[in-house]
PDB file of N, CA and C in Angstrom:
ATOM      1  N   MET A   1      74.389 -28.049 146.606  1.00  0.00           N
ATOM      2  CA  MET A   1      73.780 -28.890 147.881  1.00  0.00           C
ATOM      3  C   MET A   1      72.961 -27.635 148.549  1.00  0.00           C
ATOM      4  N   CYS A   2      71.777 -28.084 149.179  1.00  0.00           N
ATOM      5  CA  CYS A   2      71.175 -26.620 149.655  1.00  0.00           C
ATOM      6  C   CYS A   2      71.406 -26.486 151.077  1.00  0.00           C
ATOM      7  N   GLU A   3      71.085 -25.284 151.671  1.00  0.00           N
ATOM      8  CA  GLU A   3      71.545 -25.133 152.807  1.00  0.00           C
ATOM      9  C   GLU A   3      71.198 -25.997 153.836  1.00  0.00           C
ATOM     10  N   VAL A   4      69.932 -26.757 153.828  1.00  0.00           N
ATOM     11  CA  VAL A   4      69.393 -27.648 154.656  1.00  0.00           C
ATOM     12  C   VAL A   4      70.422 -28.735 155.119  1.00  0.00           C
ATOM     13  N   CYS A   5      70.901 -29.289 153.873  1.00  0.00           N
ATOM     14  CA  CYS A   5      71.600 -30.407 153.837  1.00  0.00           C
ATOM     15  C   CYS A   5      73.079 -30.132 154.318  1.00  0.00           C
ATOM     16  N   ALA A   6      73.311 -29.037 153.799  1.00  0.00           N
ATOM     17  CA  ALA A   6      74.910 -28.513 154.392  1.00  0.00           C
ATOM     18  C   ALA A   6      75.112 -28.411 155.745  1.00  0.00           C
ATOM     19  N   ILE A   7      74.073 -28.035 156.449  1.00  0.00           N
ATOM     20  CA  ILE A   7      74.306 -27.870 157.826  1.00  0.00           C
ATOM     21  C   ILE A   7      74.444 -29.130 158.430  1.00  0.00           C
ATOM     22  N   PHE A   8      73.827 -30.190 158.176  1.00  0.00           N
ATOM     23  CA  PHE A   8      74.264 -31.328 158.998  1.00  0.00           C
ATOM     24  C   PHE A   8      75.606 -31.850 159.190  1.00  0.00           C
ATOM     25  N   GLY A   9      76.548 -31.647 158.195  1.00  0.00           N
ATOM     26  CA  GLY A   9      77.750 -31.744 158.174  1.00  0.00           C
ATOM     27  C   GLY A   9      78.665 -31.111 158.997  1.00  0.00           C
ATOM     28  N   ALA A  10      78.078 -29.615 159.469  1.00  0.00           N
ATOM     29  CA  ALA A  10      79.000 -28.700 159.749  1.00  0.00           C
ATOM     30  C   ALA A  10      79.604 -29.036 161.051  1.00  0.00           C
ATOM     31  N   GLY A  11      79.042 -29.685 162.284  1.00  0.00           N
ATOM     32  CA  GLY A  11      79.615 -30.169 163.453  1.00  0.00           C
ATOM     33  C   GLY A  11      79.745 -28.922 164.431  1.00  0.00           C
ATOM     34  N   GLU A  12      80.069 -29.132 165.401  1.00  0.00           N
ATOM     35  CA  GLU A  12      80.267 -28.007 166.537  1.00  0.00           C
ATOM     36  C   GLU A  12      81.440 -27.022 166.327  1.00  0.00           C
ATOM     37  N   HIS A  13      81.311 -25.865 166.663  1.00  0.00           N
ATOM     38  CA  HIS A  13      82.191 -24.864 166.547  1.00  0.00           C
ATOM     39  C   HIS A  13      82.845 -24.553 167.809  1.00  0.00           C
ATOM     40  N   TRP A  14      83.784 -24.169 168.365  1.00  0.00           N
ATOM     41  CA  TRP A  14      84.410 -23.933 169.665  1.00  0.00           C
ATOM     42  C   TRP A  14      83.451 -23.050 170.653  1.00  0.00           C
ATOM     43  N   SER A  15      82.674 -22.110 169.838  1.00  0.00           N
ATOM     44  CA  SER A  15      81.728 -21.073 170.484  1.00  0.00           C
ATOM     45  C   SER A  15      80.519 -21.872 170.935  1.00  0.00           C
ATOM     46  N   ASP A  16      80.408 -23.032 170.645  1.00  0.00           N
ATOM     47  CA  ASP A  16      79.175 -23.814 170.983  1.00  0.00           C
ATOM     48  C   ASP A  16      79.576 -24.491 172.219  1.00  0.00           C
ATOM     49  N   PHE A  17      80.663 -24.742 172.788  1.00  0.00           N
ATOM     50  CA  PHE A  17      80.929 -25.301 174.134  1.00  0.00           C
ATOM     51  C   PHE A  17      80.669 -24.696 175.440  1.00  0.00           C
ATOM     52  N   ALA A  18      79.517 -23.829 175.157  1.00  0.00           N
ATOM     53  CA  ALA A  18      78.899 -23.097 176.583  1.00  0.00           C
ATOM     54  C   ALA A  18      78.153 -24.217 177.306  1.00  0.00           C
ATOM     55  N   ARG A  19      77.977 -25.482 176.838  1.00  0.00           N
ATOM     56  CA  ARG A  19      77.025 -26.369 177.390  1.00  0.00           C
ATOM     57  C   ARG A  19      77.658 -26.895 178.460  1.00  0.00           C
ATOM     58  N   GLN A  20      76.839 -27.339 179.587  1.00  0.00           N
ATOM     59  CA  GLN A  20      77.305 -27.615 180.851  1.00  0.00           C
ATOM     60  C   GLN A  20      77.795 -29.228 180.874  1.00  0.00           C
ATOM     61  N   ARG A  21      77.060 -29.867 179.845  1.00  0.00           N
ATOM     62  CA  ARG A  21      77.372 -31.360 179.388  1.00  0.00           C
ATOM     63  C   ARG A  21      77.506 -32.258 180.840  1.00  0.00           C
ATOM     64  N   ASP A  22      76.417 -32.021 181.726  1.00  0.00           N
ATOM     65  CA  ASP A  22      76.176 -32.978 182.567  1.00  0.00           C
ATOM     66  C   ASP A  22      75.069 -33.746 182.480  1.00  0.00           C
ATOM     67  N   GLU A  23      75.600 -35.032 182.224  1.00  0.00           N
ATOM     68  CA  GLU A  23      74.371 -36.096 181.777  1.00  0.00           C
ATOM     69  C   GLU A  23      73.368 -36.240 182.918  1.00  0.00           C
ATOM     70  N   ARG A  24      73.607 -35.815 184.103  1.00  0.00           N
ATOM     71  CA  ARG A  24      72.588 -36.209 185.012  1.00  0.00           C
ATOM     72  C   ARG A  24      71.363 -35.018 184.928  1.00  0.00           C
ATOM     73  N   PHE A  25      71.565 -33.894 184.408  1.00  0.00           N
ATOM     74  CA  PHE A  25      70.799 -32.897 184.196  1.00  0.00           C
ATOM     75  C   PHE A  25      70.769 -32.250 183.031  1.00  0.00           C
ATOM     76  N   PRO A  26      70.178 -33.061 182.058  1.00  0.00           N
ATOM     77  CA  PRO A  26      70.101 -32.603 180.445  1.00  0.00           C
ATOM     78  C   PRO A  26      69.203 -31.565 180.320  1.00  0.00           C
ATOM     79  N   PHE A  27      68.084 -31.429 180.970  1.00  0.00           N
ATOM     80  CA  PHE A  27      67.222 -30.147 180.672  1.00  0.00           C
ATOM     81  C   PHE A  27      67.950 -28.984 181.076  1.00  0.00           C
ATOM     82  N   GLU A  28      68.711 -29.086 182.352  1.00  0.00           N
ATOM     83  CA  GLU A  28      69.348 -27.847 182.707  1.00  0.00           C
ATOM     84  C   GLU A  28      70.570 -27.561 181.624  1.00  0.00           C
ATOM     85  N   ASP A  29      71.200 -28.339 181.584  1.00  0.00           N
ATOM     86  CA  ASP A  29      72.143 -28.294 180.219  1.00  0.00           C
ATOM     87  C   ASP A  29      71.517 -27.550 178.797  1.00  0.00           C
ATOM     88  N   ILE A  30      70.209 -28.014 178.368  1.00  0.00           N
ATOM     89  CA  ILE A  30      69.713 -27.346 177.334  1.00  0.00           C
ATOM     90  C   ILE A  30      69.303 -25.770 177.281  1.00  0.00           C
ATOM     91  N   LEU A  31      68.690 -25.750 178.682  1.00  0.00           N
ATOM     92  CA  LEU A  31      68.262 -24.253 178.880  1.00  0.00           C
ATOM     93  C   LEU A  31      69.739 -23.435 178.983  1.00  0.00           C
ATOM     94  N   HIS A  32      70.585 -23.724 179.563  1.00  0.00           N
ATOM     95  CA  HIS A  32      71.758 -23.241 179.700  1.00  0.00           C
ATOM     96  C   HIS A  32      72.345 -22.542 178.182  1.00  0.00           C
ATOM     97  N   TYR A  33      72.235 -23.921 177.450  1.00  0.00           N
ATOM     98  CA  TYR A  33      73.048 -23.610 176.100  1.00  0.00           C
ATOM     99  C   TYR A  33      71.786 -22.766 175.070  1.00  0.00           C
ATOM    100  N   ARG A  34      70.706 -22.944 175.532  1.00  0.00           N
ATOM    101  CA  ARG A  34      69.718 -21.935 174.719  1.00  0.00           C
ATOM    102  C   ARG A  34      69.994 -20.364 175.122  1.00  0.00           C
ATOM    103  N   GLU A  35      70.352 -20.306 176.453  1.00  0.00           N
ATOM    104  CA  GLU A  35      70.351 -18.833 176.845  1.00  0.00           C
ATOM    105  C   GLU A  35      71.781 -18.263 176.304  1.00  0.00           C
ATOM    106  N   GLU A  36      72.707 -19.163 176.375  1.00  0.00           N
ATOM    107  CA  GLU A  36      74.153 -18.816 175.616  1.00  0.00           C
ATOM    108  C   GLU A  36      73.714 -18.450 174.216  1.00  0.00           C
ATOM    109  N   ARG A  37      73.258 -19.175 173.738  1.00  0.00           N
ATOM    110  CA  ARG A  37      72.841 -18.664 172.139  1.00  0.00           C
ATOM    111  C   ARG A  37      72.186 -17.584 171.998  1.00  0.00           C
ATOM    112  N   ARG A  38      71.109 -17.261 172.698  1.00  0.00           N
ATOM    113  CA  ARG A  38      70.469 -15.974 172.676  1.00  0.00           C
ATOM    114  C   ARG A  38      71.329 -14.808 173.018  1.00  0.00           C
ATOM    115  N   ARG A  39      72.136 -14.988 174.009  1.00  0.00           N
ATOM    116  CA  ARG A  39      73.127 -14.091 174.349  1.00  0.00           C
ATOM    117  C   ARG A  39      74.329 -13.839 173.288  1.00  0.00           C
ATOM    118  N   ARG A  40      74.879 -14.781 172.571  1.00  0.00           N
ATOM    119  CA  ARG A  40      75.451 -14.681 171.391  1.00  0.00           C
ATOM    120  C   ARG A  40      74.923 -13.882 170.107  1.00  0.00           C
ATOM    121  N   VAL A  41      73.534 -14.308 170.095  1.00  0.00           N
ATOM    122  CA  VAL A  41      72.837 -13.546 168.881  1.00  0.00           C
ATOM    123  C   VAL A  41      72.472 -12.307 169.190  1.00  0.00           C
ATOM    124  N   ALA A  42      72.213 -11.755 170.677  1.00  0.00           N
ATOM    125  CA  ALA A  42      72.123 -10.245 170.743  1.00  0.00           C
ATOM    126  C   ALA A  42      73.510  -9.622 170.607  1.00  0.00           C
ATOM    127  N   MET A  43      74.596 -10.268 170.970  1.00  0.00           N
ATOM    128  CA  MET A  43      75.669  -9.440 170.699  1.00  0.00           C
ATOM    129  C   MET A  43      76.254  -9.321 169.099  1.00  0.00           C
ATOM    130  N   LEU A  44      75.862 -10.497 168.254  1.00  0.00           N
ATOM    131  CA  LEU A  44      76.152 -10.470 167.054  1.00  0.00           C
ATOM    132  C   LEU A  44      75.273  -9.167 166.289  1.00  0.00           C
ATOM    133  N   ASN A  45      73.851  -9.186 166.779  1.00  0.00           N
ATOM    134  CA  ASN A  45      73.239  -8.135 166.052  1.00  0.00           C
ATOM    135  C   ASN A  45      73.532  -6.604 166.444  1.00  0.00           C
ATOM    136  N   ALA A  46      74.152  -6.784 167.861  1.00  0.00           N
ATOM    137  CA  ALA A  46      74.877  -5.393 168.070  1.00  0.00           C
ATOM    138  C   ALA A  46      75.709  -4.985 167.084  1.00  0.00           C
ATOM    139  N   LEU A  47      76.428  -5.941 166.496  1.00  0.00           N
ATOM    140  CA  LEU A  47      77.609  -5.702 165.411  1.00  0.00           C
ATOM    141  C   LEU A  47      77.008  -5.611 164.149  1.00  0.00           C
ATOM    142  N   VAL A  48      75.858  -6.291 163.510  1.00  0.00           N
ATOM    143  CA  VAL A  48      75.742  -6.440 162.180  1.00  0.00           C
ATOM    144  C   VAL A  48      74.464  -5.447 161.899  1.00  0.00           C
ATOM    145  N   GLN A  49      73.806  -4.865 163.059  1.00  0.00           N
ATOM    146  CA  GLN A  49      72.518  -4.195 162.620  1.00  0.00           C
ATOM    147  C   GLN A  49      73.221  -2.824 162.010  1.00  0.00           C
ATOM    148  N   PRO A  50      74.200  -2.276 162.263  1.00  0.00           N
ATOM    149  CA  PRO A  50      74.416  -0.898 161.442  1.00  0.00           C
ATOM    150  C   PRO A  50      75.103  -1.465 160.130  1.00  0.00           C
ATOM    151  N   LEU A  51      75.010  -2.354 159.935  1.00  0.00           N
ATOM    152  CA  LEU A  51      75.362  -2.966 158.391  1.00  0.00           C
ATOM    153  C   LEU A  51      74.118  -3.348 157.687  1.00  0.00           C
ATOM    154  N   GLY A  52      73.028  -2.997 158.388  1.00  0.00           N
ATOM    155  CA  GLY A  52      71.832  -3.464 157.629  1.00  0.00           C
ATOM    156  C   GLY A  52      71.225  -4.924 157.681  1.00  0.00           C
ATOM    157  N   LEU A  53      71.731  -5.501 158.593  1.00  0.00           N
ATOM    158  CA  LEU A  53      71.605  -7.026 158.770  1.00  0.00           C
ATOM    159  C   LEU A  53      70.960  -7.366 160.091  1.00  0.00           C
ATOM    160  N   VAL A  54      70.389  -8.550 160.120  1.00  0.00           N
ATOM    161  CA  VAL A  54      69.679  -8.974 161.299  1.00  0.00           C
ATOM    162  C   VAL A  54      69.971 -10.586 161.376  1.00  0.00           C
ATOM    163  N   CYS A  55      70.521 -10.773 162.702  1.00  0.00           N
ATOM    164  CA  CYS A  55      71.081 -12.047 162.577  1.00  0.00           C
ATOM    165  C   CYS A  55      70.027 -13.034 163.493  1.00  0.00           C
ATOM    166  N   GLU A  56      69.818 -14.193 163.352  1.00  0.00           N
ATOM    167  CA  GLU A  56      68.817 -14.974 164.014  1.00  0.00           C
ATOM    168  C   GLU A  56      69.482 -16.338 164.230  1.00  0.00           C
ATOM    169  N   ASP A  57      68.784 -17.015 165.566  1.00  0.00           N
ATOM    170  CA  ASP A  57      69.420 -18.228 165.476  1.00  0.00           C
ATOM    171  C   ASP A  57      68.709 -19.212 164.565  1.00  0.00           C
ATOM    172  N   TRP A  58      69.248 -20.187 163.960  1.00  0.00           N
ATOM    173  CA  TRP A  58      68.464 -21.009 163.333  1.00  0.00           C
ATOM    174  C   TRP A  58      68.482 -22.442 163.604  1.00  0.00           C
ATOM    175  N   ASP A  59      67.481 -22.659 164.421  1.00  0.00           N
ATOM    176  CA  ASP A  59      67.174 -23.994 164.913  1.00  0.00           C
ATOM    177  C   ASP A  59      68.283 -24.265 165.935  1.00  0.00           C
ATOM    178  N   GLY A  60      68.880 -23.562 166.540  1.00  0.00           N
ATOM    179  CA  GLY A  60      69.925 -24.018 167.559  1.00  0.00           C
ATOM    180  C   GLY A  60      71.096 -24.412 166.937  1.00  0.00           C
ATOM    181  N   GLU A  61      71.051 -24.409 165.382  1.00  0.00           N
ATOM    182  CA  GLU A  61      72.603 -25.243 164.945  1.00  0.00           C
ATOM    183  C   GLU A  61      73.147 -24.400 164.008  1.00  0.00           C
ATOM    184  N   ALA A  62      72.919 -23.097 163.763  1.00  0.00           N
ATOM    185  CA  ALA A  62      73.502 -22.339 162.934  1.00  0.00           C
ATOM    186  C   ALA A  62      72.877 -20.875 163.030  1.00  0.00           C
ATOM    187  N   LEU A  63      73.372 -19.816 162.195  1.00  0.00           N
ATOM    188  CA  LEU A  63      72.911 -18.498 162.290  1.00  0.00           C
ATOM    189  C   LEU A  63      72.506 -18.260 161.142  1.00  0.00           C
ATOM    190  N   ALA A  64      71.265 -17.768 160.992  1.00  0.00           N
ATOM    191  CA  ALA A  64      70.733 -17.002 159.603  1.00  0.00           C
ATOM    192  C   ALA A  64      70.785 -15.043 159.890  1.00  0.00           C
ATOM    193  N   LEU A  65      71.525 -14.860 158.715  1.00  0.00           N
ATOM    194  CA  LEU A  65      71.664 -13.249 158.531  1.00  0.00           C
ATOM    195  C   LEU A  65      70.795 -12.908 157.292  1.00  0.00           C
ATOM    196  N   THR A  66      69.986 -11.777 157.796  1.00  0.00           N
ATOM    197  CA  THR A  66      69.106 -11.490 156.679  1.00  0.00           C
ATOM    198  C   THR A  66      69.406  -9.881 156.196  1.00  0.00           C
ATOM    199  N   ASP A  67      69.215  -9.355 155.145  1.00  0.00           N
ATOM    200  CA  ASP A  67      69.452  -8.124 154.860  1.00  0.00           C
ATOM    201  C   ASP A  67      68.070  -7.321 154.580  1.00  0.00           C
ATOM    202  N   ALA A  68      68.225  -5.749 154.533  1.00  0.00           N
ATOM    203  CA  ALA A  68      66.883  -5.138 154.374  1.00  0.00           C
ATOM    204  C   ALA A  68      66.160  -5.849 153.168  1.00  0.00           C
ATOM    205  N   ARG A  69      66.439  -6.237 152.346  1.00  0.00           N
ATOM    206  CA  ARG A  69      65.790  -6.680 150.948  1.00  0.00           C
ATOM    207  C   ARG A  69      65.018  -8.181 151.272  1.00  0.00           C
ATOM    208  N   GLY A  70      65.509  -8.766 152.366  1.00  0.00           N
ATOM    209  CA  GLY A  70      65.048 -10.005 152.593  1.00  0.00           C
ATOM    210  C   GLY A  70      65.772 -11.038 152.183  1.00  0.00           C
ATOM    211  N   ARG A  71      66.892 -10.941 151.769  1.00  0.00           N
ATOM    212  CA  ARG A  71      67.742 -11.797 151.180  1.00  0.00           C
ATOM    213  C   ARG A  71      68.242 -12.553 152.705  1.00  0.00           C
ATOM    214  N   THR A  72      68.157 -14.009 152.825  1.00  0.00           N
ATOM    215  CA  THR A  72      68.697 -14.619 153.984  1.00  0.00           C
ATOM    216  C   THR A  72      70.042 -15.746 153.567  1.00  0.00           C
ATOM    217  N   LYS A  73      70.835 -15.489 154.408  1.00  0.00           N
ATOM    218  CA  LYS A  73      72.134 -16.656 153.979  1.00  0.00           C
ATOM    219  C   LYS A  73      72.177 -17.236 155.462  1.00  0.00           C
ATOM    220  N   ILE A  74      72.677 -18.423 155.269  1.00  0.00           N
ATOM    221  CA  ILE A  74      72.893 -19.420 156.603  1.00  0.00           C
ATOM    222  C   ILE A  74      74.615 -19.391 156.750  1.00  0.00           C
ATOM    223  N   ALA A  75      74.714 -18.954 157.998  1.00  0.00           N
ATOM    224  CA  ALA A  75      76.120 -19.195 158.510  1.00  0.00           C
ATOM    225  C   ALA A  75      76.142 -20.428 159.285  1.00  0.00           C
ATOM    226  N   PRO A  76      76.924 -21.786 159.136  1.00  0.00           N
ATOM    227  CA  PRO A  76      76.781 -22.560 159.992  1.00  0.00           C
ATOM    228  C   PRO A  76      77.584 -22.523 161.527  1.00  0.00           C
ATOM    229  N   THR A  77      78.620 -21.646 161.135  1.00  0.00           N
ATOM    230  CA  THR A  77      79.370 -21.388 162.630  1.00  0.00           C
ATOM    231  C   THR A  77      79.594 -20.019 162.954  1.00  0.00           C
ATOM    232  N   LEU A  78      80.009 -19.665 163.860  1.00  0.00           N
ATOM    233  CA  LEU A  78      80.517 -18.029 164.326  1.00  0.00           C
ATOM    234  C   LEU A  78      81.269 -17.785 163.333  1.00  0.00           C
ATOM    235  N   GLY A  79      82.444 -18.566 163.110  1.00  0.00           N
ATOM    236  CA  GLY A  79      83.305 -18.011 161.803  1.00  0.00           C
ATOM    237  C   GLY A  79      82.918 -17.805 160.671  1.00  0.00           C
ATOM    238  N   ASP A  80      81.788 -18.311 160.137  1.00  0.00           N
ATOM    239  CA  ASP A  80      81.205 -18.010 158.874  1.00  0.00           C
ATOM    240  C   ASP A  80      80.289 -16.749 158.757  1.00  0.00           C
ATOM    241  N   VAL A  81      79.994 -16.446 159.966  1.00  0.00           N
ATOM    242  CA  VAL A  81      79.357 -15.015 160.088  1.00  0.00           C
ATOM    243  C   VAL A  81      79.715 -14.226 159.179  1.00  0.00           C
ATOM    244  N   TRP A  82      81.008 -13.650 159.525  1.00  0.00           N
ATOM    245  CA  TRP A  82      81.540 -12.604 158.748  1.00  0.00           C
ATOM    246  C   TRP A  82      81.656 -12.709 157.130  1.00  0.00           C
ATOM    247  N   PRO A  83      82.173 -13.640 156.506  1.00  0.00           N
ATOM    248  CA  PRO A  83      81.949 -13.781 155.096  1.00  0.00           C
ATOM    249  C   PRO A  83      80.442 -13.669 154.693  1.00  0.00           C
ATOM    250  N   VAL A  84      79.277 -14.380 155.444  1.00  0.00           N
ATOM    251  CA  VAL A  84      78.157 -14.362 154.845  1.00  0.00           C
ATOM    252  C   VAL A  84      77.902 -12.626 155.058  1.00  0.00           C
ATOM    253  N   ALA A  85      78.110 -11.844 156.217  1.00  0.00           N
ATOM    254  CA  ALA A  85      77.575 -10.696 156.367  1.00  0.00           C
ATOM    255  C   ALA A  85      78.579  -9.762 155.502  1.00  0.00           C
ATOM    256  N   GLU A  86      79.664 -10.165 154.923  1.00  0.00           N
ATOM    257  CA  GLU A  86      80.057  -9.288 154.098  1.00  0.00           C
ATOM    258  C   GLU A  86      79.427  -9.287 152.411  1.00  0.00           C
ATOM    259  N   SER A  87      78.956 -10.555 152.315  1.00  0.00           N
ATOM    260  CA  SER A  87      78.408 -10.879 151.077  1.00  0.00           C
ATOM    261  C   SER A  87      76.750 -10.128 151.117  1.00  0.00           C
ATOM    262  N   LEU A  88      76.047 -10.170 152.207  1.00  0.00           N
ATOM    263  CA  LEU A  88      74.718  -9.320 152.250  1.00  0.00           C
ATOM    264  C   LEU A  88      75.050  -8.051 151.996  1.00  0.00           C
ATOM    265  N   SER A  89      76.090  -7.482 152.762  1.00  0.00           N
ATOM    266  CA  SER A  89      75.945  -5.875 153.038  1.00  0.00           C
ATOM    267  C   SER A  89      77.001  -5.431 152.034  1.00  0.00           C
ATOM    268  N   GLY A  90      77.699  -6.033 151.189  1.00  0.00           N
ATOM    269  CA  GLY A  90      78.549  -5.180 150.434  1.00  0.00           C
ATOM    270  C   GLY A  90      79.778  -4.499 150.479  1.00  0.00           C
ATOM    271  N   ARG A  91      80.143  -4.970 152.096  1.00  0.00           N
ATOM    272  CA  ARG A  91      81.136  -4.353 152.710  1.00  0.00           C
ATOM    273  C   ARG A  91      81.974  -5.250 153.068  1.00  0.00           C
ATOM    274  N   SER A  92      83.534  -4.625 153.246  1.00  0.00           N
ATOM    275  CA  SER A  92      84.502  -5.642 153.948  1.00  0.00           C
ATOM    276  C   SER A  92      84.206  -5.443 155.286  1.00  0.00           C
ATOM    277  N   ILE A  93      84.422  -6.668 155.978  1.00  0.00           N
ATOM    278  CA  ILE A  93      84.458  -6.507 157.324  1.00  0.00           C
ATOM    279  C   ILE A  93      85.597  -7.105 157.926  1.00  0.00           C
ATOM    280  N   ASP A  94      86.057  -6.657 158.960  1.00  0.00           N
ATOM    281  CA  ASP A  94      87.319  -7.323 159.916  1.00  0.00           C
ATOM    282  C   ASP A  94      86.832  -7.008 161.180  1.00  0.00           C
ATOM    283  N   PRO A  95      86.331  -8.135 161.859  1.00  0.00           N
ATOM    284  CA  PRO A  95      85.565  -7.946 163.347  1.00  0.00           C
ATOM    285  C   PRO A  95      86.803  -7.815 164.342  1.00  0.00           C
ATOM    286  N   LEU A  96      88.072  -8.151 163.947  1.00  0.00           N
ATOM    287  CA  LEU A  96      89.205  -7.846 164.725  1.00  0.00           C
ATOM    288  C   LEU A  96      89.680  -6.527 165.015  1.00  0.00           C
ATOM    289  N   THR A  97      89.307  -5.580 164.277  1.00  0.00           N
ATOM    290  CA  THR A  97      89.786  -4.154 163.962  1.00  0.00           C
ATOM    291  C   THR A  97      89.416  -3.324 165.177  1.00  0.00           C
ATOM    292  N   GLU A  98      90.134  -2.322 165.951  1.00  0.00           N
ATOM    293  CA  GLU A  98      89.582  -1.823 167.034  1.00  0.00           C
ATOM    294  C   GLU A  98      88.418  -0.931 166.660  1.00  0.00           C
ATOM    295  N   ASP A  99      88.534  -0.178 165.303  1.00  0.00           N
ATOM    296  CA  ASP A  99      87.545   0.732 164.810  1.00  0.00           C
ATOM    297  C   ASP A  99      86.081   0.056 164.682  1.00  0.00           C
ATOM    298  N   PHE A 100      85.935  -1.366 164.539  1.00  0.00           N
ATOM    299  CA  PHE A 100      84.850  -2.127 164.350  1.00  0.00           C
ATOM    300  C   PHE A 100      84.215  -2.326 165.642  1.00  0.00           C
ATOM    301  N   ILE A 101      85.044  -2.889 166.511  1.00  0.00           N
ATOM    302  CA  ILE A 101      84.420  -3.470 167.752  1.00  0.00           C
ATOM    303  C   ILE A 101      84.398  -2.470 169.068  1.00  0.00           C
ATOM    304  N   ALA A 102      85.325  -1.821 169.241  1.00  0.00           N
ATOM    305  CA  ALA A 102      85.384  -0.717 170.078  1.00  0.00           C
ATOM    306  C   ALA A 102      84.299   0.037 170.358  1.00  0.00           C
ATOM    307  N   PRO A 103      83.405   0.505 169.628  1.00  0.00           N
ATOM    308  CA  PRO A 103      82.190   1.157 169.758  1.00  0.00           C
ATOM    309  C   PRO A 103      81.255   0.484 170.465  1.00  0.00           C
ATOM    310  N   VAL A 104      81.421  -0.645 170.254  1.00  0.00           N
ATOM    311  CA  VAL A 104      80.344  -1.631 170.771  1.00  0.00           C
ATOM    312  C   VAL A 104      80.617  -2.003 172.264  1.00  0.00           C
ATOM    313  N   ALA A 105      81.748  -1.599 172.836  1.00  0.00           N
ATOM    314  CA  ALA A 105      82.006  -2.075 174.150  1.00  0.00           C
ATOM    315  C   ALA A 105      81.758  -0.692 174.908  1.00  0.00           C
ATOM    316  N   ILE A 106      81.749   0.186 174.246  1.00  0.00           N
ATOM    317  CA  ILE A 106      81.442   1.502 175.068  1.00  0.00           C
ATOM    318  C   ILE A 106      80.215   2.102 174.902  1.00  0.00           C
ATOM    319  N   THR A 107      79.331   1.566 173.716  1.00  0.00           N
ATOM    320  CA  THR A 107      77.937   2.121 173.645  1.00  0.00           C
ATOM    321  C   THR A 107      77.041   1.255 173.332  1.00  0.00           C
ATOM    322  N   GLY A 108      77.344   0.054 173.132  1.00  0.00           N
ATOM    323  CA  GLY A 108      76.387  -1.343 172.536  1.00  0.00           C
ATOM    324  C   GLY A 108      76.126  -1.217 171.502  1.00  0.00           C
ATOM    325  N   THR A 109      76.399  -0.208 170.584  1.00  0.00           N
ATOM    326  CA  THR A 109      76.288  -0.419 168.960  1.00  0.00           C
ATOM    327  C   THR A 109      77.574   0.493 168.410  1.00  0.00           C
ATOM    328  N   PRO A 110      77.757  -0.677 167.002  1.00  0.00           N
ATOM    329  CA  PRO A 110      79.176   0.081 166.566  1.00  0.00           C
ATOM    330  C   PRO A 110      78.606   0.914 165.837  1.00  0.00           C
ATOM    331  N   ALA A 111      79.740   1.903 165.331  1.00  0.00           N
ATOM    332  CA  ALA A 111      79.744   2.916 164.553  1.00  0.00           C
ATOM    333  C   ALA A 111      80.574   2.846 163.245  1.00  0.00           C
ATOM    334  N   HIS A 112      79.639   2.289 162.276  1.00  0.00           N
ATOM    335  CA  HIS A 112      80.308   1.924 160.793  1.00  0.00           C
ATOM    336  C   HIS A 112      80.034   3.049 159.967  1.00  0.00           C
ATOM    337  N   GLY A 113      80.792   3.192 159.152  1.00  0.00           N
ATOM    338  CA  GLY A 113      80.598   4.458 157.968  1.00  0.00           C
ATOM    339  C   GLY A 113      80.328   3.886 156.633  1.00  0.00           C
TER     340      GLY A 113
END
């Protein structure tokens, strides 16, 4: 199955529930959701750029990770980012370890070796 067809069955991830979900103001909901996705992608880029990767929003439904050689893989949900990042970077990644995430909190950029 190609990545385009696969994405339609992914469903929402818990991290996508930043939506206000007020039926009276759907436009404000859309703007809020897009801003939250931009913020999330910026945080992800702070984590994956030292691995030689770039993360982009893929049509508001998934995340696209690209390496320096131009290879791109789709991560349908936030939880799928790390296996995709491992695949593209060739490195083992544990986003919950202190040495991975602590430098981001301090400097905004992780220190990976």
